[in-house]
Amino acid sequence: ALLISRAWCQCTVPIIWTKPSFTAKDPK
């Protein structure tokens, strides 16, 4: 959805960044 348009990007980014995901399998 980020790649559809600027408007879609502005709506999608806050959703993704509300809760960044961290796992032991991906320490980076």
mmCIF file of all heavy atoms, coordinates in Angstrom:
data_MODEL
# 
_entry.id   MODEL 
# 
loop_
_atom_site.group_PDB 
_atom_site.id 
_atom_site.type_symbol 
_atom_site.label_atom_id 
_atom_site.label_alt_id 
_atom_site.label_comp_id 
_atom_site.label_asym_id 
_atom_site.label_entity_id 
_atom_site.label_seq_id 
_atom_site.pdbx_PDB_ins_code 
_atom_site.Cartn_x 
_atom_site.Cartn_y 
_atom_site.Cartn_z 
_atom_site.occupancy 
_atom_site.B_iso_or_equiv 
_atom_site.pdbx_formal_charge 
_atom_site.auth_seq_id 
_atom_site.auth_comp_id 
_atom_site.auth_asym_id 
_atom_site.auth_atom_id 
_atom_site.pdbx_PDB_model_num 
ATOM 1   N N   . ALA A 1 1  ? 0.825  -1.210  0.000  1.00 0.00 ? 1  ALA A N   1 
ATOM 2   C CA  . ALA A 1 1  ? 0.000  0.000   0.000  1.00 0.00 ? 1  ALA A CA  1 
ATOM 3   C C   . ALA A 1 1  ? 0.861  1.262   0.000  1.00 0.00 ? 1  ALA A C   1 
ATOM 4   O O   . ALA A 1 1  ? 0.442  2.309   -0.507 1.00 0.00 ? 1  ALA A O   1 
ATOM 5   C CB  . ALA A 1 1  ? -0.923 -0.008  1.215  1.00 0.00 ? 1  ALA A CB  1 
ATOM 6   N N   . LEU A 1 2  ? 2.064  1.174   0.555  1.00 0.00 ? 2  LEU A N   1 
ATOM 7   C CA  . LEU A 1 2  ? 2.964  2.329   0.576  1.00 0.00 ? 2  LEU A CA  1 
ATOM 8   C C   . LEU A 1 2  ? 3.294  2.830   -0.821 1.00 0.00 ? 2  LEU A C   1 
ATOM 9   O O   . LEU A 1 2  ? 3.574  4.019   -1.015 1.00 0.00 ? 2  LEU A O   1 
ATOM 10  C CB  . LEU A 1 2  ? 4.270  1.952   1.283  1.00 0.00 ? 2  LEU A CB  1 
ATOM 11  C CG  . LEU A 1 2  ? 4.234  1.740   2.787  1.00 0.00 ? 2  LEU A CG  1 
ATOM 12  C CD1 . LEU A 1 2  ? 5.568  1.169   3.258  1.00 0.00 ? 2  LEU A CD1 1 
ATOM 13  C CD2 . LEU A 1 2  ? 3.945  3.040   3.516  1.00 0.00 ? 2  LEU A CD2 1 
ATOM 14  N N   . LEU A 1 3  ? 3.272  1.925   -1.793 1.00 0.00 ? 3  LEU A N   1 
ATOM 15  C CA  . LEU A 1 3  ? 3.737  2.246   -3.147 1.00 0.00 ? 3  LEU A CA  1 
ATOM 16  C C   . LEU A 1 3  ? 2.632  2.707   -4.086 1.00 0.00 ? 3  LEU A C   1 
ATOM 17  O O   . LEU A 1 3  ? 2.910  3.056   -5.232 1.00 0.00 ? 3  LEU A O   1 
ATOM 18  C CB  . LEU A 1 3  ? 4.432  1.009   -3.750 1.00 0.00 ? 3  LEU A CB  1 
ATOM 19  C CG  . LEU A 1 3  ? 5.560  0.404   -2.905 1.00 0.00 ? 3  LEU A CG  1 
ATOM 20  C CD1 . LEU A 1 3  ? 6.100  -0.851  -3.576 1.00 0.00 ? 3  LEU A CD1 1 
ATOM 21  C CD2 . LEU A 1 3  ? 6.665  1.416   -2.695 1.00 0.00 ? 3  LEU A CD2 1 
ATOM 22  N N   . ILE A 1 4  ? 1.394  2.704   -3.603 1.00 0.00 ? 4  ILE A N   1 
ATOM 23  C CA  . ILE A 1 4  ? 0.281  3.051   -4.483 1.00 0.00 ? 4  ILE A CA  1 
ATOM 24  C C   . ILE A 1 4  ? 0.280  4.532   -4.830 1.00 0.00 ? 4  ILE A C   1 
ATOM 25  O O   . ILE A 1 4  ? 0.218  4.919   -6.002 1.00 0.00 ? 4  ILE A O   1 
ATOM 26  C CB  . ILE A 1 4  ? -1.060 2.642   -3.835 1.00 0.00 ? 4  ILE A CB  1 
ATOM 27  C CG1 . ILE A 1 4  ? -1.126 1.118   -3.702 1.00 0.00 ? 4  ILE A CG1 1 
ATOM 28  C CG2 . ILE A 1 4  ? -2.236 3.173   -4.660 1.00 0.00 ? 4  ILE A CG2 1 
ATOM 29  C CD1 . ILE A 1 4  ? -2.372 0.618   -2.999 1.00 0.00 ? 4  ILE A CD1 1 
ATOM 30  N N   . SER A 1 5  ? 0.341  5.376   -3.826 1.00 0.00 ? 5  SER A N   1 
ATOM 31  C CA  . SER A 1 5  ? 0.324  6.821   -4.049 1.00 0.00 ? 5  SER A CA  1 
ATOM 32  C C   . SER A 1 5  ? 0.805  7.516   -2.790 1.00 0.00 ? 5  SER A C   1 
ATOM 33  O O   . SER A 1 5  ? 0.967  6.886   -1.737 1.00 0.00 ? 5  SER A O   1 
ATOM 34  C CB  . SER A 1 5  ? -1.084 7.304   -4.410 1.00 0.00 ? 5  SER A CB  1 
ATOM 35  O OG  . SER A 1 5  ? -1.952 7.156   -3.294 1.00 0.00 ? 5  SER A OG  1 
ATOM 36  N N   . ARG A 1 6  ? 0.989  8.807   -2.879 1.00 0.00 ? 6  ARG A N   1 
ATOM 37  C CA  . ARG A 1 6  ? 1.423  9.578   -1.711 1.00 0.00 ? 6  ARG A CA  1 
ATOM 38  C C   . ARG A 1 6  ? 0.358  9.555   -0.620 1.00 0.00 ? 6  ARG A C   1 
ATOM 39  O O   . ARG A 1 6  ? 0.670  9.440   0.568  1.00 0.00 ? 6  ARG A O   1 
ATOM 40  C CB  . ARG A 1 6  ? 1.708  11.025  -2.120 1.00 0.00 ? 6  ARG A CB  1 
ATOM 41  C CG  . ARG A 1 6  ? 2.134  11.906  -0.955 1.00 0.00 ? 6  ARG A CG  1 
ATOM 42  C CD  . ARG A 1 6  ? 2.565  13.269  -1.425 1.00 0.00 ? 6  ARG A CD  1 
ATOM 43  N NE  . ARG A 1 6  ? 3.774  13.193  -2.246 1.00 0.00 ? 6  ARG A NE  1 
ATOM 44  C CZ  . ARG A 1 6  ? 4.395  14.253  -2.764 1.00 0.00 ? 6  ARG A CZ  1 
ATOM 45  N NH1 . ARG A 1 6  ? 3.906  15.468  -2.551 1.00 0.00 ? 6  ARG A NH1 1 
ATOM 46  N NH2 . ARG A 1 6  ? 5.476  14.099  -3.494 1.00 0.00 ? 6  ARG A NH2 1 
ATOM 47  N N   . ALA A 1 7  ? -0.905 9.660   -1.018 1.00 0.00 ? 7  ALA A N   1 
ATOM 48  C CA  . ALA A 1 7  ? -1.995 9.640   -0.039 1.00 0.00 ? 7  ALA A CA  1 
ATOM 49  C C   . ALA A 1 7  ? -2.048 8.308   0.700  1.00 0.00 ? 7  ALA A C   1 
ATOM 50  O O   . ALA A 1 7  ? -2.217 8.260   1.927  1.00 0.00 ? 7  ALA A O   1 
ATOM 51  C CB  . ALA A 1 7  ? -3.327 9.913   -0.737 1.00 0.00 ? 7  ALA A CB  1 
ATOM 52  N N   . TRP A 1 8  ? -1.888 7.209   -0.038 1.00 0.00 ? 8  TRP A N   1 
ATOM 53  C CA  . TRP A 1 8  ? -1.885 5.887   0.588  1.00 0.00 ? 8  TRP A CA  1 
ATOM 54  C C   . TRP A 1 8  ? -0.691 5.746   1.522  1.00 0.00 ? 8  TRP A C   1 
ATOM 55  O O   . TRP A 1 8  ? -0.776 5.152   2.587  1.00 0.00 ? 8  TRP A O   1 
ATOM 56  C CB  . TRP A 1 8  ? -1.853 4.792   -0.485 1.00 0.00 ? 8  TRP A CB  1 
ATOM 57  C CG  . TRP A 1 8  ? -3.209 4.479   -1.057 1.00 0.00 ? 8  TRP A CG  1 
ATOM 58  C CD1 . TRP A 1 8  ? -3.968 5.293   -1.847 1.00 0.00 ? 8  TRP A CD1 1 
ATOM 59  C CD2 . TRP A 1 8  ? -3.956 3.278   -0.867 1.00 0.00 ? 8  TRP A CD2 1 
ATOM 60  N NE1 . TRP A 1 8  ? -5.149 4.679   -2.171 1.00 0.00 ? 8  TRP A NE1 1 
ATOM 61  C CE2 . TRP A 1 8  ? -5.171 3.438   -1.593 1.00 0.00 ? 8  TRP A CE2 1 
ATOM 62  C CE3 . TRP A 1 8  ? -3.736 2.097   -0.185 1.00 0.00 ? 8  TRP A CE3 1 
ATOM 63  C CZ2 . TRP A 1 8  ? -6.143 2.444   -1.639 1.00 0.00 ? 8  TRP A CZ2 1 
ATOM 64  C CZ3 . TRP A 1 8  ? -4.701 1.097   -0.229 1.00 0.00 ? 8  TRP A CZ3 1 
ATOM 65  C CH2 . TRP A 1 8  ? -5.893 1.276   -0.936 1.00 0.00 ? 8  TRP A CH2 1 
ATOM 66  N N   . CYS A 1 9  ? 0.416  6.289   1.105  1.00 0.00 ? 9  CYS A N   1 
ATOM 67  C CA  . CYS A 1 9  ? 1.629  6.226   1.928  1.00 0.00 ? 9  CYS A CA  1 
ATOM 68  C C   . CYS A 1 9  ? 1.420  6.958   3.252  1.00 0.00 ? 9  CYS A C   1 
ATOM 69  O O   . CYS A 1 9  ? 1.786  6.452   4.317  1.00 0.00 ? 9  CYS A O   1 
ATOM 70  C CB  . CYS A 1 9  ? 2.800  6.834   1.167  1.00 0.00 ? 9  CYS A CB  1 
ATOM 71  S SG  . CYS A 1 9  ? 4.364  6.806   2.075  1.00 0.00 ? 9  CYS A SG  1 
ATOM 72  N N   . GLN A 1 10 ? 0.792  8.135   3.182  1.00 0.00 ? 10 GLN A N   1 
ATOM 73  C CA  . GLN A 1 10 ? 0.561  8.918   4.396  1.00 0.00 ? 10 GLN A CA  1 
ATOM 74  C C   . GLN A 1 10 ? -0.387 8.212   5.357  1.00 0.00 ? 10 GLN A C   1 
ATOM 75  O O   . GLN A 1 10 ? -0.297 8.395   6.573  1.00 0.00 ? 10 GLN A O   1 
ATOM 76  C CB  . GLN A 1 10 ? -0.001 10.289  4.014  1.00 0.00 ? 10 GLN A CB  1 
ATOM 77  C CG  . GLN A 1 10 ? 1.013  11.185  3.315  1.00 0.00 ? 10 GLN A CG  1 
ATOM 78  C CD  . GLN A 1 10 ? 0.414  12.490  2.840  1.00 0.00 ? 10 GLN A CD  1 
ATOM 79  O OE1 . GLN A 1 10 ? -0.802 12.595  2.639  1.00 0.00 ? 10 GLN A OE1 1 
ATOM 80  N NE2 . GLN A 1 10 ? 1.249  13.487  2.661  1.00 0.00 ? 10 GLN A NE2 1 
ATOM 81  N N   . CYS A 1 11 ? -1.281 7.391   4.832  1.00 0.00 ? 11 CYS A N   1 
ATOM 82  C CA  . CYS A 1 11 ? -2.209 6.639   5.681  1.00 0.00 ? 11 CYS A CA  1 
ATOM 83  C C   . CYS A 1 11 ? -1.574 5.367   6.238  1.00 0.00 ? 11 CYS A C   1 
ATOM 84  O O   . CYS A 1 11 ? -1.926 4.927   7.340  1.00 0.00 ? 11 CYS A O   1 
ATOM 85  C CB  . CYS A 1 11 ? -3.464 6.268   4.889  1.00 0.00 ? 11 CYS A CB  1 
ATOM 86  S SG  . CYS A 1 11 ? -4.487 7.672   4.411  1.00 0.00 ? 11 CYS A SG  1 
ATOM 87  N N   . THR A 1 12 ? -0.656 4.793   5.490  1.00 0.00 ? 12 THR A N   1 
ATOM 88  C CA  . THR A 1 12 ? -0.088 3.489   5.847  1.00 0.00 ? 12 THR A CA  1 
ATOM 89  C C   . THR A 1 12 ? 1.072  3.587   6.828  1.00 0.00 ? 12 THR A C   1 
ATOM 90  O O   . THR A 1 12 ? 1.196  2.763   7.739  1.00 0.00 ? 12 THR A O   1 
ATOM 91  C CB  . THR A 1 12 ? 0.369  2.746   4.575  1.00 0.00 ? 12 THR A CB  1 
ATOM 92  O OG1 . THR A 1 12 ? -0.716 2.666   3.644  1.00 0.00 ? 12 THR A OG1 1 
ATOM 93  C CG2 . THR A 1 12 ? 0.850  1.343   4.914  1.00 0.00 ? 12 THR A CG2 1 
ATOM 94  N N   . VAL A 1 13 ? 1.914  4.583   6.667  1.00 0.00 ? 13 VAL A N   1 
ATOM 95  C CA  . VAL A 1 13 ? 3.096  4.716   7.525  1.00 0.00 ? 13 VAL A CA  1 
ATOM 96  C C   . VAL A 1 13 ? 2.746  4.752   9.014  1.00 0.00 ? 13 VAL A C   1 
ATOM 97  O O   . VAL A 1 13 ? 3.368  4.045   9.819  1.00 0.00 ? 13 VAL A O   1 
ATOM 98  C CB  . VAL A 1 13 ? 3.932  5.953   7.121  1.00 0.00 ? 13 VAL A CB  1 
ATOM 99  C CG1 . VAL A 1 13 ? 4.984  6.260   8.189  1.00 0.00 ? 13 VAL A CG1 1 
ATOM 100 C CG2 . VAL A 1 13 ? 4.617  5.703   5.788  1.00 0.00 ? 13 VAL A CG2 1 
ATOM 101 N N   . PRO A 1 14 ? 1.760  5.540   9.449  1.00 0.00 ? 14 PRO A N   1 
ATOM 102 C CA  . PRO A 1 14 ? 1.416  5.538   10.877 1.00 0.00 ? 14 PRO A CA  1 
ATOM 103 C C   . PRO A 1 14 ? 0.969  4.175   11.386 1.00 0.00 ? 14 PRO A C   1 
ATOM 104 O O   . PRO A 1 14 ? 1.231  3.823   12.545 1.00 0.00 ? 14 PRO A O   1 
ATOM 105 C CB  . PRO A 1 14 ? 0.272  6.557   10.957 1.00 0.00 ? 14 PRO A CB  1 
ATOM 106 C CG  . PRO A 1 14 ? 0.494  7.461   9.796  1.00 0.00 ? 14 PRO A CG  1 
ATOM 107 C CD  . PRO A 1 14 ? 0.998  6.574   8.708  1.00 0.00 ? 14 PRO A CD  1 
ATOM 108 N N   . ILE A 1 15 ? 0.305  3.392   10.537 1.00 0.00 ? 15 ILE A N   1 
ATOM 109 C CA  . ILE A 1 15 ? -0.144 2.059   10.944 1.00 0.00 ? 15 ILE A CA  1 
ATOM 110 C C   . ILE A 1 15 ? 1.055  1.147   11.175 1.00 0.00 ? 15 ILE A C   1 
ATOM 111 O O   . ILE A 1 15 ? 1.133  0.428   12.174 1.00 0.00 ? 15 ILE A O   1 
ATOM 112 C CB  . ILE A 1 15 ? -1.076 1.452   9.881  1.00 0.00 ? 15 ILE A CB  1 
ATOM 113 C CG1 . ILE A 1 15 ? -2.342 2.301   9.734  1.00 0.00 ? 15 ILE A CG1 1 
ATOM 114 C CG2 . ILE A 1 15 ? -1.432 0.014   10.248 1.00 0.00 ? 15 ILE A CG2 1 
ATOM 115 C CD1 . ILE A 1 15 ? -3.248 1.837   8.605  1.00 0.00 ? 15 ILE A CD1 1 
ATOM 116 N N   . ILE A 1 16 ? 2.004  1.192   10.272 1.00 0.00 ? 16 ILE A N   1 
ATOM 117 C CA  . ILE A 1 16 ? 3.195  0.336   10.384 1.00 0.00 ? 16 ILE A CA  1 
ATOM 118 C C   . ILE A 1 16 ? 4.040  0.714   11.587 1.00 0.00 ? 16 ILE A C   1 
ATOM 119 O O   . ILE A 1 16 ? 4.562  -0.150  12.299 1.00 0.00 ? 16 ILE A O   1 
ATOM 120 C CB  . ILE A 1 16 ? 4.036  0.422   9.089  1.00 0.00 ? 16 ILE A CB  1 
ATOM 121 C CG1 . ILE A 1 16 ? 3.257  -0.185  7.909  1.00 0.00 ? 16 ILE A CG1 1 
ATOM 122 C CG2 . ILE A 1 16 ? 5.377  -0.279  9.267  1.00 0.00 ? 16 ILE A CG2 1 
ATOM 123 C CD1 . ILE A 1 16 ? 3.967  -0.057  6.587  1.00 0.00 ? 16 ILE A CD1 1 
ATOM 124 N N   . TRP A 1 17 ? 4.145  2.021   11.834 1.00 0.00 ? 17 TRP A N   1 
ATOM 125 C CA  . TRP A 1 17 ? 5.040  2.486   12.892 1.00 0.00 ? 17 TRP A CA  1 
ATOM 126 C C   . TRP A 1 17 ? 4.391  2.581   14.266 1.00 0.00 ? 17 TRP A C   1 
ATOM 127 O O   . TRP A 1 17 ? 5.055  2.906   15.243 1.00 0.00 ? 17 TRP A O   1 
ATOM 128 C CB  . TRP A 1 17 ? 5.642  3.842   12.503 1.00 0.00 ? 17 TRP A CB  1 
ATOM 129 C CG  . TRP A 1 17 ? 6.843  3.650   11.639 1.00 0.00 ? 17 TRP A CG  1 
ATOM 130 C CD1 . TRP A 1 17 ? 6.858  3.470   10.291 1.00 0.00 ? 17 TRP A CD1 1 
ATOM 131 C CD2 . TRP A 1 17 ? 8.193  3.575   12.080 1.00 0.00 ? 17 TRP A CD2 1 
ATOM 132 N NE1 . TRP A 1 17 ? 8.150  3.286   9.855  1.00 0.00 ? 17 TRP A NE1 1 
ATOM 133 C CE2 . TRP A 1 17 ? 8.984  3.356   10.931 1.00 0.00 ? 17 TRP A CE2 1 
ATOM 134 C CE3 . TRP A 1 17 ? 8.819  3.688   13.319 1.00 0.00 ? 17 TRP A CE3 1 
ATOM 135 C CZ2 . TRP A 1 17 ? 10.366 3.238   10.992 1.00 0.00 ? 17 TRP A CZ2 1 
ATOM 136 C CZ3 . TRP A 1 17 ? 10.196 3.580   13.389 1.00 0.00 ? 17 TRP A CZ3 1 
ATOM 137 C CH2 . TRP A 1 17 ? 10.950 3.348   12.243 1.00 0.00 ? 17 TRP A CH2 1 
ATOM 138 N N   . THR A 1 18 ? 3.106  2.286   14.359 1.00 0.00 ? 18 THR A N   1 
ATOM 139 C CA  . THR A 1 18 ? 2.464  2.285   15.674 1.00 0.00 ? 18 THR A CA  1 
ATOM 140 C C   . THR A 1 18 ? 3.130  1.289   16.611 1.00 0.00 ? 18 THR A C   1 
ATOM 141 O O   . THR A 1 18 ? 3.351  1.567   17.796 1.00 0.00 ? 18 THR A O   1 
ATOM 142 C CB  . THR A 1 18 ? 0.968  1.933   15.539 1.00 0.00 ? 18 THR A CB  1 
ATOM 143 O OG1 . THR A 1 18 ? 0.306  2.985   14.840 1.00 0.00 ? 18 THR A OG1 1 
ATOM 144 C CG2 . THR A 1 18 ? 0.325  1.776   16.912 1.00 0.00 ? 18 THR A CG2 1 
ATOM 145 N N   . LYS A 1 19 ? 3.492  0.126   16.076 1.00 0.00 ? 19 LYS A N   1 
ATOM 146 C CA  . LYS A 1 19 ? 4.090  -0.927  16.888 1.00 0.00 ? 19 LYS A CA  1 
ATOM 147 C C   . LYS A 1 19 ? 5.207  -1.620  16.110 1.00 0.00 ? 19 LYS A C   1 
ATOM 148 O O   . LYS A 1 19 ? 4.987  -2.655  15.483 1.00 0.00 ? 19 LYS A O   1 
ATOM 149 C CB  . LYS A 1 19 ? 3.023  -1.951  17.298 1.00 0.00 ? 19 LYS A CB  1 
ATOM 150 C CG  . LYS A 1 19 ? 3.526  -3.030  18.228 1.00 0.00 ? 19 LYS A CG  1 
ATOM 151 C CD  . LYS A 1 19 ? 2.417  -4.011  18.561 1.00 0.00 ? 19 LYS A CD  1 
ATOM 152 C CE  . LYS A 1 19 ? 2.928  -5.124  19.460 1.00 0.00 ? 19 LYS A CE  1 
ATOM 153 N NZ  . LYS A 1 19 ? 1.847  -6.107  19.786 1.00 0.00 ? 19 LYS A NZ  1 
ATOM 154 N N   . PRO A 1 20 ? 6.413  -1.077  16.134 1.00 0.00 ? 20 PRO A N   1 
ATOM 155 C CA  . PRO A 1 20 ? 7.539  -1.740  15.475 1.00 0.00 ? 20 PRO A CA  1 
ATOM 156 C C   . PRO A 1 20 ? 7.734  -3.141  16.041 1.00 0.00 ? 20 PRO A C   1 
ATOM 157 O O   . PRO A 1 20 ? 7.589  -3.362  17.247 1.00 0.00 ? 20 PRO A O   1 
ATOM 158 C CB  . PRO A 1 20 ? 8.734  -0.842  15.815 1.00 0.00 ? 20 PRO A CB  1 
ATOM 159 C CG  . PRO A 1 20 ? 8.123  0.491   16.098 1.00 0.00 ? 20 PRO A CG  1 
ATOM 160 C CD  . PRO A 1 20 ? 6.805  0.191   16.749 1.00 0.00 ? 20 PRO A CD  1 
ATOM 161 N N   . SER A 1 21 ? 8.058  -4.082  15.172 1.00 0.00 ? 21 SER A N   1 
ATOM 162 C CA  . SER A 1 21 ? 8.176  -5.479  15.593 1.00 0.00 ? 21 SER A CA  1 
ATOM 163 C C   . SER A 1 21 ? 9.637  -5.879  15.770 1.00 0.00 ? 21 SER A C   1 
ATOM 164 O O   . SER A 1 21 ? 10.485 -5.622  14.911 1.00 0.00 ? 21 SER A O   1 
ATOM 165 C CB  . SER A 1 21 ? 7.516  -6.383  14.548 1.00 0.00 ? 21 SER A CB  1 
ATOM 166 O OG  . SER A 1 21 ? 7.660  -7.743  14.893 1.00 0.00 ? 21 SER A OG  1 
ATOM 167 N N   . PHE A 1 22 ? 9.920  -6.527  16.908 1.00 0.00 ? 22 PHE A N   1 
ATOM 168 C CA  . PHE A 1 22 ? 11.266 -7.038  17.191 1.00 0.00 ? 22 PHE A CA  1 
ATOM 169 C C   . PHE A 1 22 ? 11.171 -8.521  17.535 1.00 0.00 ? 22 PHE A C   1 
ATOM 170 O O   . PHE A 1 22 ? 10.290 -8.926  18.302 1.00 0.00 ? 22 PHE A O   1 
ATOM 171 C CB  . PHE A 1 22 ? 11.900 -6.296  18.367 1.00 0.00 ? 22 PHE A CB  1 
ATOM 172 C CG  . PHE A 1 22 ? 11.931 -4.807  18.203 1.00 0.00 ? 22 PHE A CG  1 
ATOM 173 C CD1 . PHE A 1 22 ? 11.181 -3.985  19.027 1.00 0.00 ? 22 PHE A CD1 1 
ATOM 174 C CD2 . PHE A 1 22 ? 12.683 -4.228  17.200 1.00 0.00 ? 22 PHE A CD2 1 
ATOM 175 C CE1 . PHE A 1 22 ? 11.205 -2.614  18.875 1.00 0.00 ? 22 PHE A CE1 1 
ATOM 176 C CE2 . PHE A 1 22 ? 12.712 -2.849  17.041 1.00 0.00 ? 22 PHE A CE2 1 
ATOM 177 C CZ  . PHE A 1 22 ? 11.971 -2.043  17.879 1.00 0.00 ? 22 PHE A CZ  1 
ATOM 178 N N   . THR A 1 23 ? 12.070 -9.314  16.980 1.00 0.00 ? 23 THR A N   1 
ATOM 179 C CA  . THR A 1 23 ? 12.100 -10.740 17.279 1.00 0.00 ? 23 THR A CA  1 
ATOM 180 C C   . THR A 1 23 ? 13.541 -11.172 17.539 1.00 0.00 ? 23 THR A C   1 
ATOM 181 O O   . THR A 1 23 ? 14.493 -10.551 17.053 1.00 0.00 ? 23 THR A O   1 
ATOM 182 C CB  . THR A 1 23 ? 11.543 -11.575 16.112 1.00 0.00 ? 23 THR A CB  1 
ATOM 183 O OG1 . THR A 1 23 ? 12.396 -11.424 14.961 1.00 0.00 ? 23 THR A OG1 1 
ATOM 184 C CG2 . THR A 1 23 ? 10.134 -11.136 15.754 1.00 0.00 ? 23 THR A CG2 1 
ATOM 185 N N   . ALA A 1 24 ? 13.674 -12.252 18.299 1.00 0.00 ? 24 ALA A N   1 
ATOM 186 C CA  . ALA A 1 24 ? 15.003 -12.785 18.596 1.00 0.00 ? 24 ALA A CA  1 
ATOM 187 C C   . ALA A 1 24 ? 15.675 -13.327 17.338 1.00 0.00 ? 24 ALA A C   1 
ATOM 188 O O   . ALA A 1 24 ? 16.906 -13.366 17.243 1.00 0.00 ? 24 ALA A O   1 
ATOM 189 C CB  . ALA A 1 24 ? 14.890 -13.891 19.647 1.00 0.00 ? 24 ALA A CB  1 
ATOM 190 N N   . LYS A 1 25 ? 14.867 -13.731 16.350 1.00 0.00 ? 25 LYS A N   1 
ATOM 191 C CA  . LYS A 1 25 ? 15.414 -14.284 15.110 1.00 0.00 ? 25 LYS A CA  1 
ATOM 192 C C   . LYS A 1 25 ? 15.990 -13.198 14.202 1.00 0.00 ? 25 LYS A C   1 
ATOM 193 O O   . LYS A 1 25 ? 16.755 -13.502 13.286 1.00 0.00 ? 25 LYS A O   1 
ATOM 194 C CB  . LYS A 1 25 ? 14.327 -15.052 14.368 1.00 0.00 ? 25 LYS A CB  1 
ATOM 195 C CG  . LYS A 1 25 ? 13.842 -16.289 15.112 1.00 0.00 ? 25 LYS A CG  1 
ATOM 196 C CD  . LYS A 1 25 ? 12.779 -17.016 14.300 1.00 0.00 ? 25 LYS A CD  1 
ATOM 197 C CE  . LYS A 1 25 ? 12.296 -18.258 15.024 1.00 0.00 ? 25 LYS A CE  1 
ATOM 198 N NZ  . LYS A 1 25 ? 11.250 -18.985 14.255 1.00 0.00 ? 25 LYS A NZ  1 
ATOM 199 N N   . ASP A 1 26 ? 15.605 -11.960 14.454 1.00 0.00 ? 26 ASP A N   1 
ATOM 200 C CA  . ASP A 1 26 ? 16.083 -10.857 13.613 1.00 0.00 ? 26 ASP A CA  1 
ATOM 201 C C   . ASP A 1 26 ? 16.643 -9.736  14.499 1.00 0.00 ? 26 ASP A C   1 
ATOM 202 O O   . ASP A 1 26 ? 16.021 -8.687  14.664 1.00 0.00 ? 26 ASP A O   1 
ATOM 203 C CB  . ASP A 1 26 ? 14.935 -10.329 12.749 1.00 0.00 ? 26 ASP A CB  1 
ATOM 204 C CG  . ASP A 1 26 ? 15.404 -9.279  11.749 1.00 0.00 ? 26 ASP A CG  1 
ATOM 205 O OD1 . ASP A 1 26 ? 16.638 -9.146  11.568 1.00 0.00 ? 26 ASP A OD1 1 
ATOM 206 O OD2 . ASP A 1 26 ? 14.545 -8.584  11.168 1.00 0.00 ? 26 ASP A OD2 1 
ATOM 207 N N   . PRO A 1 27 ? 17.822 -9.963  15.082 1.00 0.00 ? 27 PRO A N   1 
ATOM 208 C CA  . PRO A 1 27 ? 18.401 -8.967  15.998 1.00 0.00 ? 27 PRO A CA  1 
ATOM 209 C C   . PRO A 1 27 ? 18.761 -7.641  15.332 1.00 0.00 ? 27 PRO A C   1 
ATOM 210 O O   . PRO A 1 27 ? 18.947 -6.637  16.016 1.00 0.00 ? 27 PRO A O   1 
ATOM 211 C CB  . PRO A 1 27 ? 19.652 -9.678  16.522 1.00 0.00 ? 27 PRO A CB  1 
ATOM 212 C CG  . PRO A 1 27 ? 20.002 -10.672 15.472 1.00 0.00 ? 27 PRO A CG  1 
ATOM 213 C CD  . PRO A 1 27 ? 18.694 -11.136 14.904 1.00 0.00 ? 27 PRO A CD  1 
ATOM 214 N N   . LYS A 1 28 ? 18.842 -7.629  14.005 1.00 0.00 ? 28 LYS A N   1 
ATOM 215 C CA  . LYS A 1 28 ? 19.200 -6.405  13.299 1.00 0.00 ? 28 LYS A CA  1 
ATOM 216 C C   . LYS A 1 28 ? 18.014 -5.441  13.174 1.00 0.00 ? 28 LYS A C   1 
ATOM 217 O O   . LYS A 1 28 ? 18.205 -4.268  12.836 1.00 0.00 ? 28 LYS A O   1 
ATOM 218 C CB  . LYS A 1 28 ? 19.746 -6.731  11.901 1.00 0.00 ? 28 LYS A CB  1 
ATOM 219 C CG  . LYS A 1 28 ? 21.088 -7.455  11.913 1.00 0.00 ? 28 LYS A CG  1 
ATOM 220 C CD  . LYS A 1 28 ? 21.596 -7.669  10.505 1.00 0.00 ? 28 LYS A CD  1 
ATOM 221 C CE  . LYS A 1 28 ? 22.951 -8.369  10.504 1.00 0.00 ? 28 LYS A CE  1 
ATOM 222 N NZ  . LYS A 1 28 ? 23.457 -8.577  9.124  1.00 0.00 ? 28 LYS A NZ  1 
# 
